[in-house]
Amino acid sequence: MSPRALLLYGPPGSGKDTITAALTQLNPAYQLAERLKAGPGRTHGYRMTTIETIDALTARGDVLWRNDRYSSTYATDRPHLDKMLADHQIPVLHLGQADSIPAVTTAAPDISWTVVELWCPREIMIERVTARGTGDVAERIAAYDQTPPLHGPTLRVSTAAFAPDAIARWIDILVRDSS
């Protein structure tokens, strides 16, 4: 049986943190695969590091996906993912660029990936990111506008239309069926 992992794709404010929390409550094996982050802004949900560390991991081929946004550099690294899998966790990756999905799944073909696209109407996203109080609402709106829908996710769901616990149950069924 292949190890399982979940990719939650969507623009800022689409509910990735909320759905991850609902998944963890449903089954503690679901855990956020915290990305590396070098730069200012939010620290919750990230493993803060330096650009030099990310560069070194990239040079060794240990970075599955890397991107720059909000004046920061973010990286999804294989060693962290491998540790989570060894600990019998189901890593939940948060990604917001369409190119990240094939990059990650191709770089880690030994993992059974479930890809879920989360979205919500723009007005709801603006309410959500404003409530965060991070001061970068305009940048998040621009990122929302630049986030295209995926072609062929396992599931695409509006987080404005359904409760987080219902979405978590649907995702859990899909992940369990993927192995």
Protein backbone atom coordinates (compact mmCIF):
# COMPACT_ATOMS: atom_id res chain seq x y z
CA MET A 1 0.00 0.00 0.00
CA SER A 2 1.38 3.41 -1.00
CA PRO A 3 1.66 6.08 1.66
CA ARG A 4 -1.13 8.64 1.40
CA ALA A 5 -1.05 12.42 1.38
CA LEU A 6 -3.50 15.20 0.67
CA LEU A 7 -3.04 18.35 -1.41
CA LEU A 8 -5.42 21.17 -0.52
CA TYR A 9 -5.32 23.68 -3.36
CA GLY A 10 -6.99 27.05 -3.38
CA PRO A 11 -6.59 30.79 -3.19
CA PRO A 12 -6.07 32.71 0.04
CA GLY A 13 -9.16 32.59 2.24
CA SER A 14 -10.54 29.44 0.63
CA GLY A 15 -10.46 27.54 3.92
CA LYS A 16 -7.32 25.41 3.79
CA ASP A 17 -6.54 25.94 7.51
CA THR A 18 -10.17 25.39 8.53
CA ILE A 19 -10.52 22.18 6.54
CA THR A 20 -7.18 20.89 7.84
CA ALA A 21 -8.37 21.51 11.42
CA ALA A 22 -11.62 19.64 10.68
CA LEU A 23 -9.65 16.74 9.18
CA THR A 24 -7.34 16.57 12.22
CA GLN A 25 -10.37 16.56 14.52
CA LEU A 26 -11.91 13.73 12.47
CA ASN A 27 -8.67 11.72 12.40
CA PRO A 28 -5.49 12.90 14.17
CA ALA A 29 -3.39 11.18 11.48
CA TYR A 30 -4.15 14.18 9.25
CA GLN A 31 -1.50 16.77 10.02
CA LEU A 32 -0.50 19.97 8.28
CA ALA A 33 2.75 19.53 6.37
CA GLU A 34 4.14 22.90 7.38
CA ARG A 35 6.05 24.50 4.54
CA LEU A 36 9.35 26.22 5.06
CA LYS A 37 9.10 30.00 4.95
CA ALA A 38 11.78 32.66 4.73
CA GLY A 39 10.45 36.19 5.01
CA PRO A 40 7.96 38.44 6.79
CA GLY A 41 4.28 37.94 7.56
CA ARG A 42 2.35 35.07 9.09
CA THR A 43 4.34 32.49 11.01
CA HIS A 44 1.52 30.15 12.08
CA GLY A 45 1.50 27.03 9.93
CA TYR A 46 5.08 27.46 8.71
CA ARG A 47 8.53 26.29 9.73
CA MET A 48 10.40 29.57 9.71
CA THR A 49 13.88 29.41 8.24
CA THR A 50 16.35 31.33 6.10
CA ILE A 51 16.60 31.64 2.35
CA GLU A 52 20.03 29.98 2.63
CA THR A 53 18.44 26.86 4.13
CA ILE A 54 15.85 26.72 1.35
CA ASP A 55 18.58 27.23 -1.25
CA ALA A 56 20.63 24.37 0.25
CA LEU A 57 17.63 22.00 0.22
CA THR A 58 16.88 23.02 -3.36
CA ALA A 59 20.49 22.35 -4.40
CA ARG A 60 20.27 18.84 -2.87
CA GLY A 61 17.04 18.12 -4.77
CA ASP A 62 14.99 17.96 -1.56
CA VAL A 63 12.45 20.64 -2.51
CA LEU A 64 9.25 19.43 -4.14
CA TRP A 65 7.87 22.93 -4.71
CA ARG A 66 9.18 26.42 -4.14
CA ASN A 67 7.53 29.75 -4.72
CA ASP A 68 7.85 33.43 -3.90
CA ARG A 69 4.86 35.47 -2.77
CA TYR A 70 4.07 38.20 -0.23
CA SER A 71 7.78 39.15 -0.04
CA SER A 72 8.61 35.63 1.22
CA THR A 73 9.99 32.37 -0.15
CA TYR A 74 8.10 29.15 0.58
CA ALA A 75 9.22 25.55 0.08
CA THR A 76 7.69 22.10 0.43
CA ASP A 77 10.53 19.75 1.28
CA ARG A 78 10.72 15.97 0.92
CA PRO A 79 12.62 15.25 4.19
CA HIS A 80 9.77 16.75 6.25
CA LEU A 81 7.17 14.83 4.23
CA ASP A 82 9.14 11.59 4.66
CA LYS A 83 9.31 12.10 8.43
CA MET A 84 5.56 12.63 8.61
CA LEU A 85 4.93 9.48 6.57
CA ALA A 86 7.36 7.48 8.75
CA ASP A 87 5.35 8.67 11.78
CA HIS A 88 2.18 7.23 10.13
CA GLN A 89 0.69 10.66 9.56
CA ILE A 90 -1.28 11.73 6.51
CA PRO A 91 0.43 14.95 5.41
CA VAL A 92 -1.86 17.77 4.34
CA LEU A 93 -0.10 20.18 1.99
CA HIS A 94 -1.50 23.67 1.35
CA LEU A 95 -0.76 24.94 -2.14
CA GLY A 96 -2.06 27.91 -4.09
CA GLN A 97 -0.41 27.72 -7.49
CA ALA A 98 -1.80 25.40 -10.17
CA ASP A 99 1.73 24.48 -11.30
CA SER A 100 2.49 23.19 -7.81
CA ILE A 101 0.16 20.21 -8.12
CA PRO A 102 1.92 18.36 -10.96
CA ALA A 103 5.31 19.48 -9.61
CA VAL A 104 4.69 17.86 -6.23
CA THR A 105 2.93 14.73 -7.47
CA THR A 106 5.61 14.13 -10.13
CA ALA A 107 8.45 14.71 -7.66
CA ALA A 108 6.89 12.20 -5.22
CA PRO A 109 5.26 9.51 -7.39
CA ASP A 110 5.57 6.90 -4.63
CA ILE A 111 2.82 8.66 -2.65
CA SER A 112 -0.88 8.20 -3.31
CA TRP A 113 -2.07 11.81 -3.65
CA THR A 114 -5.62 13.07 -3.21
CA VAL A 115 -6.05 16.55 -4.70
CA VAL A 116 -8.85 18.73 -3.34
CA GLU A 117 -9.60 22.18 -4.69
CA LEU A 118 -11.17 24.52 -2.14
CA TRP A 119 -12.76 27.76 -3.22
CA CYS A 120 -15.22 30.40 -2.09
CA PRO A 121 -16.76 33.51 -3.64
CA ARG A 122 -14.48 36.55 -3.80
CA GLU A 123 -16.61 38.54 -1.31
CA ILE A 124 -16.31 35.77 1.28
CA MET A 125 -12.56 35.55 0.69
CA ILE A 126 -12.22 39.30 1.29
CA GLU A 127 -14.14 38.97 4.58
CA ARG A 128 -11.95 36.07 5.68
CA VAL A 129 -8.57 37.62 4.84
CA THR A 130 -9.60 40.97 6.33
CA ALA A 131 -10.49 39.20 9.59
CA ARG A 132 -6.96 37.75 9.75
CA GLY A 133 -5.57 41.24 10.32
CA THR A 134 -2.29 40.52 8.52
CA GLY A 135 -2.35 43.84 6.64
CA ASP A 136 -1.87 42.31 3.20
CA VAL A 137 -5.47 42.16 1.98
CA ALA A 138 -4.70 43.76 -1.41
CA GLU A 139 -1.97 41.18 -2.10
CA ARG A 140 -4.30 38.34 -1.09
CA ILE A 141 -7.06 39.65 -3.37
CA ALA A 142 -4.55 39.76 -6.23
CA ALA A 143 -3.49 36.18 -5.44
CA TYR A 144 -7.16 35.10 -5.39
CA ASP A 145 -7.67 36.67 -8.81
CA GLN A 146 -4.56 34.89 -10.15
CA THR A 147 -5.51 31.42 -8.85
CA PRO A 148 -7.05 29.41 -11.69
CA PRO A 149 -9.35 26.44 -11.21
CA LEU A 150 -7.63 23.07 -11.49
CA HIS A 151 -8.26 20.63 -14.29
CA GLY A 152 -9.34 17.33 -12.79
CA PRO A 153 -8.97 17.56 -9.01
CA THR A 154 -10.26 14.57 -7.04
CA LEU A 155 -12.81 16.94 -5.47
CA ARG A 156 -13.70 20.60 -5.94
CA VAL A 157 -15.83 22.12 -3.19
CA SER A 158 -17.03 25.53 -2.06
CA THR A 159 -16.17 26.16 1.57
CA ALA A 160 -18.91 28.79 1.63
CA ALA A 161 -21.59 26.22 0.75
CA PHE A 162 -20.75 23.33 3.08
CA ALA A 163 -19.69 22.94 6.71
CA PRO A 164 -16.03 22.13 7.39
CA ASP A 165 -16.85 18.84 9.12
CA ALA A 166 -18.88 17.65 6.12
CA ILE A 167 -16.06 18.56 3.74
CA ALA A 168 -13.58 16.77 6.01
CA ARG A 169 -15.69 13.59 5.95
CA TRP A 170 -15.86 13.65 2.14
CA ILE A 171 -12.12 14.16 1.87
CA ASP A 172 -11.42 11.38 4.36
CA ILE A 173 -13.47 8.93 2.28
CA LEU A 174 -11.53 9.91 -0.84
CA VAL A 175 -8.15 9.60 0.88
CA ARG A 176 -9.00 6.19 2.35
CA ASP A 177 -10.23 5.00 -1.06
CA SER A 178 -6.99 6.16 -2.73
CA SER A 179 -4.76 3.54 -1.15
